[in-house]
Amino acid sequence: MGELVLNTFDWVPEIPRGYVRDIRVRWALEEAGLPYRVRSVPFRDRNAEHFLHQPFGQVPWLTDGDLSIFESGAILLHLGNRSGALMPADPRGRCEVLEWLFAALNSVEAASLPWSILIFSGDTSYTPGRKSLDEFLKARLKHMEPVLAGREWLAWTFSVADILMADVLRLVDRFDGLAGHPACRDYVARATARPSFVKAHADQMAHFAAAD
């Protein structure tokens, strides 16, 4: 394995700061104590190299020597395979982490992201589409609530699954979407109190502020 380089935008507008998905990778790298450096790529003028590494022109992507990996879930899985601090070694524990890693992406974020985008837009009209998004998200949170009420972390020890799930729920909590789901809210608070998240968040905020 080679040098770890986290590629992210040189600047973003103020509203998404603290929520750009490179924070998931920063968090994992800090949690594992893996040395890395951050490389900036243009936000406004995304060139051919950017699309070569990230076909959708988004961030982050991670280079590990001659490997280039995009999509935050794939990057977290790669880092989990590199560090026992992010992924348990026993087969049962690994399976639990993988289940919840994909659940965060496919079951919870599939509901939370459209809802969050609508809230971001400032559209307050309660249309049938808005009602459907509200109900979809509430159904997912209803199922997450008893899970998180019964355990500290998803796979019993902290893992990349918690980094991903907590970040997904953190965006919902930003708009008070976890009201009525105290276990989900407590889980987000527990996860974001970890020193690794605190540093990752501060580093992301400082990174974008430096470009203002």
C-alpha atoms as a PDB file:
ATOM      1  CA  MET A   1       0.000   0.000   0.000  1.00  0.00           C
ATOM      2  CA  GLY A   2       1.203   3.497  -0.764  1.00  0.00           C
ATOM      3  CA  GLU A   3       0.640   7.051   0.381  1.00  0.00           C
ATOM      4  CA  LEU A   4      -2.975   7.870   1.196  1.00  0.00           C
ATOM      5  CA  VAL A   5      -4.204  11.042  -0.509  1.00  0.00           C
ATOM      6  CA  LEU A   6      -7.727  12.371   0.063  1.00  0.00           C
ATOM      7  CA  ASN A   7      -8.928  14.404  -2.902  1.00  0.00           C
ATOM      8  CA  THR A   8     -11.616  16.998  -2.234  1.00  0.00           C
ATOM      9  CA  PHE A   9     -12.786  20.357  -3.525  1.00  0.00           C
ATOM     10  CA  ASP A  10     -10.688  23.465  -2.968  1.00  0.00           C
ATOM     11  CA  TRP A  11     -13.835  25.395  -1.970  1.00  0.00           C
ATOM     12  CA  VAL A  12     -17.586  24.952  -1.563  1.00  0.00           C
ATOM     13  CA  PRO A  13     -20.377  27.409  -0.614  1.00  0.00           C
ATOM     14  CA  GLU A  14     -21.048  27.859   3.087  1.00  0.00           C
ATOM     15  CA  ILE A  15     -24.277  25.828   3.325  1.00  0.00           C
ATOM     16  CA  PRO A  16     -22.781  22.359   2.643  1.00  0.00           C
ATOM     17  CA  ARG A  17     -19.626  22.948   4.680  1.00  0.00           C
ATOM     18  CA  GLY A  18     -19.281  20.357   7.402  1.00  0.00           C
ATOM     19  CA  TYR A  19     -21.363  17.919   5.343  1.00  0.00           C
ATOM     20  CA  VAL A  20     -19.266  17.387   2.196  1.00  0.00           C
ATOM     21  CA  ARG A  21     -18.675  13.656   2.024  1.00  0.00           C
ATOM     22  CA  ASP A  22     -14.928  13.830   2.323  1.00  0.00           C
ATOM     23  CA  ILE A  23     -15.702  14.143   6.040  1.00  0.00           C
ATOM     24  CA  ARG A  24     -16.535  10.429   6.106  1.00  0.00           C
ATOM     25  CA  VAL A  25     -13.064   9.615   4.804  1.00  0.00           C
ATOM     26  CA  ARG A  26     -11.328  12.142   7.055  1.00  0.00           C
ATOM     27  CA  TRP A  27     -13.176  10.624  10.014  1.00  0.00           C
ATOM     28  CA  ALA A  28     -12.137   7.079   9.129  1.00  0.00           C
ATOM     29  CA  LEU A  29      -8.516   8.048   8.566  1.00  0.00           C
ATOM     30  CA  GLU A  30      -8.394   9.884  11.896  1.00  0.00           C
ATOM     31  CA  GLU A  31     -10.135   7.008  13.680  1.00  0.00           C
ATOM     32  CA  ALA A  32      -7.606   4.508  12.321  1.00  0.00           C
ATOM     33  CA  GLY A  33      -4.617   6.790  12.852  1.00  0.00           C
ATOM     34  CA  LEU A  34      -3.568   6.347   9.228  1.00  0.00           C
ATOM     35  CA  PRO A  35      -1.281   9.076   7.854  1.00  0.00           C
ATOM     36  CA  TYR A  36      -2.691  10.936   4.871  1.00  0.00           C
ATOM     37  CA  ARG A  37      -2.591  14.231   3.056  1.00  0.00           C
ATOM     38  CA  VAL A  38      -5.339  16.273   1.443  1.00  0.00           C
ATOM     39  CA  ARG A  39      -5.191  17.379  -2.183  1.00  0.00           C
ATOM     40  CA  SER A  40      -7.472  20.106  -3.492  1.00  0.00           C
ATOM     41  CA  VAL A  41      -9.220  19.928  -6.857  1.00  0.00           C
ATOM     42  CA  PRO A  42     -11.171  22.802  -8.442  1.00  0.00           C
ATOM     43  CA  PHE A  43     -14.821  23.163  -7.480  1.00  0.00           C
ATOM     44  CA  ARG A  44     -15.693  25.430 -10.389  1.00  0.00           C
ATOM     45  CA  ASP A  45     -13.565  24.059 -13.229  1.00  0.00           C
ATOM     46  CA  ARG A  46     -13.628  20.283 -13.008  1.00  0.00           C
ATOM     47  CA  ASN A  47     -11.193  18.957 -15.536  1.00  0.00           C
ATOM     48  CA  ALA A  48     -10.706  15.657 -17.359  1.00  0.00           C
ATOM     49  CA  GLU A  49      -8.464  14.272 -14.609  1.00  0.00           C
ATOM     50  CA  HIS A  50     -11.230  14.804 -12.081  1.00  0.00           C
ATOM     51  CA  PHE A  51     -13.732  12.832 -14.166  1.00  0.00           C
ATOM     52  CA  LEU A  52     -11.141  10.126 -14.745  1.00  0.00           C
ATOM     53  CA  HIS A  53     -11.007   9.517 -10.986  1.00  0.00           C
ATOM     54  CA  GLN A  54     -14.647  10.366 -10.175  1.00  0.00           C
ATOM     55  CA  PRO A  55     -16.974   9.815 -13.175  1.00  0.00           C
ATOM     56  CA  PHE A  56     -19.695  12.077 -11.741  1.00  0.00           C
ATOM     57  CA  GLY A  57     -17.406  15.012 -10.995  1.00  0.00           C
ATOM     58  CA  GLN A  58     -17.988  14.713  -7.268  1.00  0.00           C
ATOM     59  CA  VAL A  59     -15.717  14.241  -4.244  1.00  0.00           C
ATOM     60  CA  PRO A  60     -14.116  12.553  -2.506  1.00  0.00           C
ATOM     61  CA  TRP A  61     -11.830  10.048  -4.052  1.00  0.00           C
ATOM     62  CA  LEU A  62      -8.873   8.415  -2.351  1.00  0.00           C
ATOM     63  CA  THR A  63      -5.586   7.346  -3.863  1.00  0.00           C
ATOM     64  CA  ASP A  64      -3.665   4.590  -2.121  1.00  0.00           C
ATOM     65  CA  GLY A  65      -0.431   4.240  -4.023  1.00  0.00           C
ATOM     66  CA  ASP A  66      -1.484   3.388  -7.576  1.00  0.00           C
ATOM     67  CA  LEU A  67      -5.070   2.624  -6.521  1.00  0.00           C
ATOM     68  CA  SER A  68      -7.785   5.252  -7.028  1.00  0.00           C
ATOM     69  CA  ILE A  69     -11.111   4.697  -5.271  1.00  0.00           C
ATOM     70  CA  PHE A  70     -14.274   6.802  -5.523  1.00  0.00           C
ATOM     71  CA  GLU A  71     -17.607   6.698  -3.649  1.00  0.00           C
ATOM     72  CA  SER A  72     -17.426   7.208   0.109  1.00  0.00           C
ATOM     73  CA  GLY A  73     -18.840   3.762   0.902  1.00  0.00           C
ATOM     74  CA  ALA A  74     -16.219   2.037  -1.242  1.00  0.00           C
ATOM     75  CA  ILE A  75     -13.469   4.147   0.309  1.00  0.00           C
ATOM     76  CA  LEU A  76     -14.637   3.293   3.832  1.00  0.00           C
ATOM     77  CA  LEU A  77     -14.701  -0.395   2.958  1.00  0.00           C
ATOM     78  CA  HIS A  78     -11.151  -0.142   1.580  1.00  0.00           C
ATOM     79  CA  LEU A  79      -9.941   1.579   4.743  1.00  0.00           C
ATOM     80  CA  GLY A  80     -11.799  -0.964   6.873  1.00  0.00           C
ATOM     81  CA  ASN A  81      -9.780  -3.672   5.185  1.00  0.00           C
ATOM     82  CA  ARG A  82      -6.619  -1.786   6.107  1.00  0.00           C
ATOM     83  CA  SER A  83      -7.364  -1.166   9.782  1.00  0.00           C
ATOM     84  CA  GLY A  84      -8.723  -3.268  12.625  1.00  0.00           C
ATOM     85  CA  ALA A  85      -9.889  -0.017  14.226  1.00  0.00           C
ATOM     86  CA  LEU A  86     -12.499   0.260  11.462  1.00  0.00           C
ATOM     87  CA  MET A  87     -13.459  -3.345  10.774  1.00  0.00           C
ATOM     88  CA  PRO A  88     -13.402  -6.406  13.064  1.00  0.00           C
ATOM     89  CA  ALA A  89     -11.287  -9.369  12.003  1.00  0.00           C
ATOM     90  CA  ASP A  90     -13.775 -12.145  12.788  1.00  0.00           C
ATOM     91  CA  PRO A  91     -16.123 -13.212   9.949  1.00  0.00           C
ATOM     92  CA  ARG A  92     -19.337 -12.613  11.908  1.00  0.00           C
ATOM     93  CA  GLY A  93     -18.267  -9.125  12.919  1.00  0.00           C
ATOM     94  CA  ARG A  94     -17.215  -8.269   9.380  1.00  0.00           C
ATOM     95  CA  CYS A  95     -20.560  -9.437   8.020  1.00  0.00           C
ATOM     96  CA  GLU A  96     -22.426  -7.248  10.493  1.00  0.00           C
ATOM     97  CA  VAL A  97     -20.351  -4.233   9.495  1.00  0.00           C
ATOM     98  CA  LEU A  98     -20.967  -4.895   5.801  1.00  0.00           C
ATOM     99  CA  GLU A  99     -24.705  -5.299   6.346  1.00  0.00           C
ATOM    100  CA  TRP A 100     -24.993  -1.979   8.117  1.00  0.00           C
ATOM    101  CA  LEU A 101     -22.614  -0.210   5.754  1.00  0.00           C
ATOM    102  CA  PHE A 102     -24.877  -1.066   2.830  1.00  0.00           C
ATOM    103  CA  ALA A 103     -28.017  -0.430   4.877  1.00  0.00           C
ATOM    104  CA  ALA A 104     -26.811   3.109   5.557  1.00  0.00           C
ATOM    105  CA  LEU A 105     -26.424   3.720   1.831  1.00  0.00           C
ATOM    106  CA  ASN A 106     -29.277   1.719   0.330  1.00  0.00           C
ATOM    107  CA  SER A 107     -31.993   1.855   2.986  1.00  0.00           C
ATOM    108  CA  VAL A 108     -31.459   4.984   5.071  1.00  0.00           C
ATOM    109  CA  GLU A 109     -29.668   7.446   2.792  1.00  0.00           C
ATOM    110  CA  ALA A 110     -32.013   6.473  -0.053  1.00  0.00           C
ATOM    111  CA  ALA A 111     -34.763   8.006   2.107  1.00  0.00           C
ATOM    112  CA  SER A 112     -32.838  10.783   3.826  1.00  0.00           C
ATOM    113  CA  LEU A 113     -31.068  12.351   0.856  1.00  0.00           C
ATOM    114  CA  PRO A 114     -34.143  13.253  -1.269  1.00  0.00           C
ATOM    115  CA  TRP A 115     -35.818  14.576   1.874  1.00  0.00           C
ATOM    116  CA  SER A 116     -32.751  16.670   2.757  1.00  0.00           C
ATOM    117  CA  ILE A 117     -32.454  18.075  -0.766  1.00  0.00           C
ATOM    118  CA  LEU A 118     -36.065  19.222  -0.608  1.00  0.00           C
ATOM    119  CA  ILE A 119     -35.473  20.881   2.769  1.00  0.00           C
ATOM    120  CA  PHE A 120     -32.297  22.511   1.420  1.00  0.00           C
ATOM    121  CA  SER A 121     -34.334  23.981  -1.439  1.00  0.00           C
ATOM    122  CA  GLY A 122     -36.450  25.989   0.981  1.00  0.00           C
ATOM    123  CA  ASP A 123     -39.695  24.646  -0.487  1.00  0.00           C
ATOM    124  CA  THR A 124     -42.146  24.561   2.433  1.00  0.00           C
ATOM    125  CA  SER A 125     -45.263  23.582   0.463  1.00  0.00           C
ATOM    126  CA  TYR A 126     -46.730  20.289   1.616  1.00  0.00           C
ATOM    127  CA  THR A 127     -47.295  18.623  -1.736  1.00  0.00           C
ATOM    128  CA  PRO A 128     -48.047  14.921  -2.278  1.00  0.00           C
ATOM    129  CA  GLY A 129     -44.388  14.478  -3.210  1.00  0.00           C
ATOM    130  CA  ARG A 130     -43.248  16.082   0.053  1.00  0.00           C
ATOM    131  CA  LYS A 131     -45.703  13.905   1.988  1.00  0.00           C
ATOM    132  CA  SER A 132     -44.289  10.771   0.337  1.00  0.00           C
ATOM    133  CA  LEU A 133     -40.707  11.767   1.182  1.00  0.00           C
ATOM    134  CA  ASP A 134     -41.660  12.488   4.802  1.00  0.00           C
ATOM    135  CA  GLU A 135     -43.373   9.125   5.141  1.00  0.00           C
ATOM    136  CA  PHE A 136     -40.497   7.267   3.476  1.00  0.00           C
ATOM    137  CA  LEU A 137     -37.950   8.776   5.861  1.00  0.00           C
ATOM    138  CA  LYS A 138     -40.144   8.272   8.938  1.00  0.00           C
ATOM    139  CA  ALA A 139     -40.588   4.606   8.035  1.00  0.00           C
ATOM    140  CA  ARG A 140     -36.822   4.108   7.878  1.00  0.00           C
ATOM    141  CA  LEU A 141     -36.266   5.965  11.163  1.00  0.00           C
ATOM    142  CA  LYS A 142     -39.021   3.932  12.811  1.00  0.00           C
ATOM    143  CA  HIS A 143     -37.028   0.770  12.083  1.00  0.00           C
ATOM    144  CA  MET A 144     -33.678   2.294  13.082  1.00  0.00           C
ATOM    145  CA  GLU A 145     -34.971   3.515  16.449  1.00  0.00           C
ATOM    146  CA  PRO A 146     -35.244   0.102  18.211  1.00  0.00           C
ATOM    147  CA  VAL A 147     -31.937  -1.026  16.710  1.00  0.00           C
ATOM    148  CA  LEU A 148     -30.084   1.965  18.122  1.00  0.00           C
ATOM    149  CA  ALA A 149     -31.964   1.836  21.421  1.00  0.00           C
ATOM    150  CA  GLY A 150     -30.511  -1.611  22.036  1.00  0.00           C
ATOM    151  CA  ARG A 151     -26.838  -1.105  21.245  1.00  0.00           C
ATOM    152  CA  GLU A 152     -24.105   1.484  21.388  1.00  0.00           C
ATOM    153  CA  TRP A 153     -22.773   0.783  17.898  1.00  0.00           C
ATOM    154  CA  LEU A 154     -24.276  -1.047  14.939  1.00  0.00           C
ATOM    155  CA  ALA A 155     -21.872  -4.000  14.940  1.00  0.00           C
ATOM    156  CA  TRP A 156     -21.353  -3.704  18.725  1.00  0.00           C
ATOM    157  CA  THR A 157     -17.904  -2.131  18.324  1.00  0.00           C
ATOM    158  CA  PHE A 158     -17.356   1.143  16.475  1.00  0.00           C
ATOM    159  CA  SER A 159     -16.707   0.623  12.756  1.00  0.00           C
ATOM    160  CA  VAL A 160     -16.957   2.168   9.305  1.00  0.00           C
ATOM    161  CA  ALA A 161     -20.656   1.285   9.399  1.00  0.00           C
ATOM    162  CA  ASP A 162     -21.107   3.788  12.236  1.00  0.00           C
ATOM    163  CA  ILE A 163     -19.159   6.463  10.382  1.00  0.00           C
ATOM    164  CA  LEU A 164     -21.476   6.113   7.423  1.00  0.00           C
ATOM    165  CA  MET A 165     -24.755   5.711   9.313  1.00  0.00           C
ATOM    166  CA  ALA A 166     -24.001   8.536  11.743  1.00  0.00           C
ATOM    167  CA  ASP A 167     -23.134  10.870   8.885  1.00  0.00           C
ATOM    168  CA  VAL A 168     -26.340   9.971   7.054  1.00  0.00           C
ATOM    169  CA  LEU A 169     -28.427  10.615  10.179  1.00  0.00           C
ATOM    170  CA  ARG A 170     -26.449  13.738  11.049  1.00  0.00           C
ATOM    171  CA  LEU A 171     -27.800  15.498   7.972  1.00  0.00           C
ATOM    172  CA  VAL A 172     -31.350  14.577   8.957  1.00  0.00           C
ATOM    173  CA  ASP A 173     -30.707  15.892  12.451  1.00  0.00           C
ATOM    174  CA  ARG A 174     -29.508  19.192  11.000  1.00  0.00           C
ATOM    175  CA  PHE A 175     -33.121  19.866   9.989  1.00  0.00           C
ATOM    176  CA  ASP A 176     -34.594  18.417  13.203  1.00  0.00           C
ATOM    177  CA  GLY A 177     -35.689  15.307  11.339  1.00  0.00           C
ATOM    178  CA  LEU A 178     -34.784  13.072  14.282  1.00  0.00           C
ATOM    179  CA  ALA A 179     -37.356  14.666  16.556  1.00  0.00           C
ATOM    180  CA  GLY A 180     -39.369  11.831  18.009  1.00  0.00           C
ATOM    181  CA  HIS A 181     -36.480   9.398  17.522  1.00  0.00           C
ATOM    182  CA  PRO A 182     -34.348   9.878  20.650  1.00  0.00           C
ATOM    183  CA  ALA A 183     -32.216   6.754  20.141  1.00  0.00           C
ATOM    184  CA  CYS A 184     -31.247   7.926  16.657  1.00  0.00           C
ATOM    185  CA  ARG A 185     -30.454  11.388  17.969  1.00  0.00           C
ATOM    186  CA  ASP A 186     -28.409  10.019  20.876  1.00  0.00           C
ATOM    187  CA  TYR A 187     -26.499   7.783  18.461  1.00  0.00           C
ATOM    188  CA  VAL A 188     -25.540  10.768  16.305  1.00  0.00           C
ATOM    189  CA  ALA A 189     -24.461  12.718  19.387  1.00  0.00           C
ATOM    190  CA  ARG A 190     -22.412   9.761  20.627  1.00  0.00           C
ATOM    191  CA  ALA A 191     -20.674   9.288  17.297  1.00  0.00           C
ATOM    192  CA  THR A 192     -19.945  12.958  16.650  1.00  0.00           C
ATOM    193  CA  ALA A 193     -18.491  13.379  20.140  1.00  0.00           C
ATOM    194  CA  ARG A 194     -15.612  11.084  19.175  1.00  0.00           C
ATOM    195  CA  PRO A 195     -12.316  13.019  18.891  1.00  0.00           C
ATOM    196  CA  SER A 196     -11.777  11.650  15.393  1.00  0.00           C
ATOM    197  CA  PHE A 197     -15.009  13.244  14.151  1.00  0.00           C
ATOM    198  CA  VAL A 198     -14.328  16.511  15.974  1.00  0.00           C
ATOM    199  CA  LYS A 199     -10.955  16.794  14.239  1.00  0.00           C
ATOM    200  CA  ALA A 200     -12.304  15.718  10.842  1.00  0.00           C
ATOM    201  CA  HIS A 201     -15.084  18.307  11.034  1.00  0.00           C
ATOM    202  CA  ALA A 202     -12.736  21.090  12.129  1.00  0.00           C
ATOM    203  CA  ASP A 203     -10.265  20.199   9.378  1.00  0.00           C
ATOM    204  CA  GLN A 204     -12.953  20.256   6.693  1.00  0.00           C
ATOM    205  CA  MET A 205     -14.290  23.610   7.856  1.00  0.00           C
ATOM    206  CA  ALA A 206     -10.784  25.089   7.950  1.00  0.00           C
ATOM    207  CA  HIS A 207      -9.966  23.671   4.522  1.00  0.00           C
ATOM    208  CA  PHE A 208     -12.872  25.414   2.814  1.00  0.00           C
ATOM    209  CA  ALA A 209     -12.583  28.604   4.867  1.00  0.00           C
ATOM    210  CA  ALA A 210      -8.950  28.959   3.797  1.00  0.00           C
ATOM    211  CA  ALA A 211     -10.085  29.351   0.190  1.00  0.00           C
ATOM    212  CA  ASP A 212     -12.545  32.203   0.877  1.00  0.00           C
END
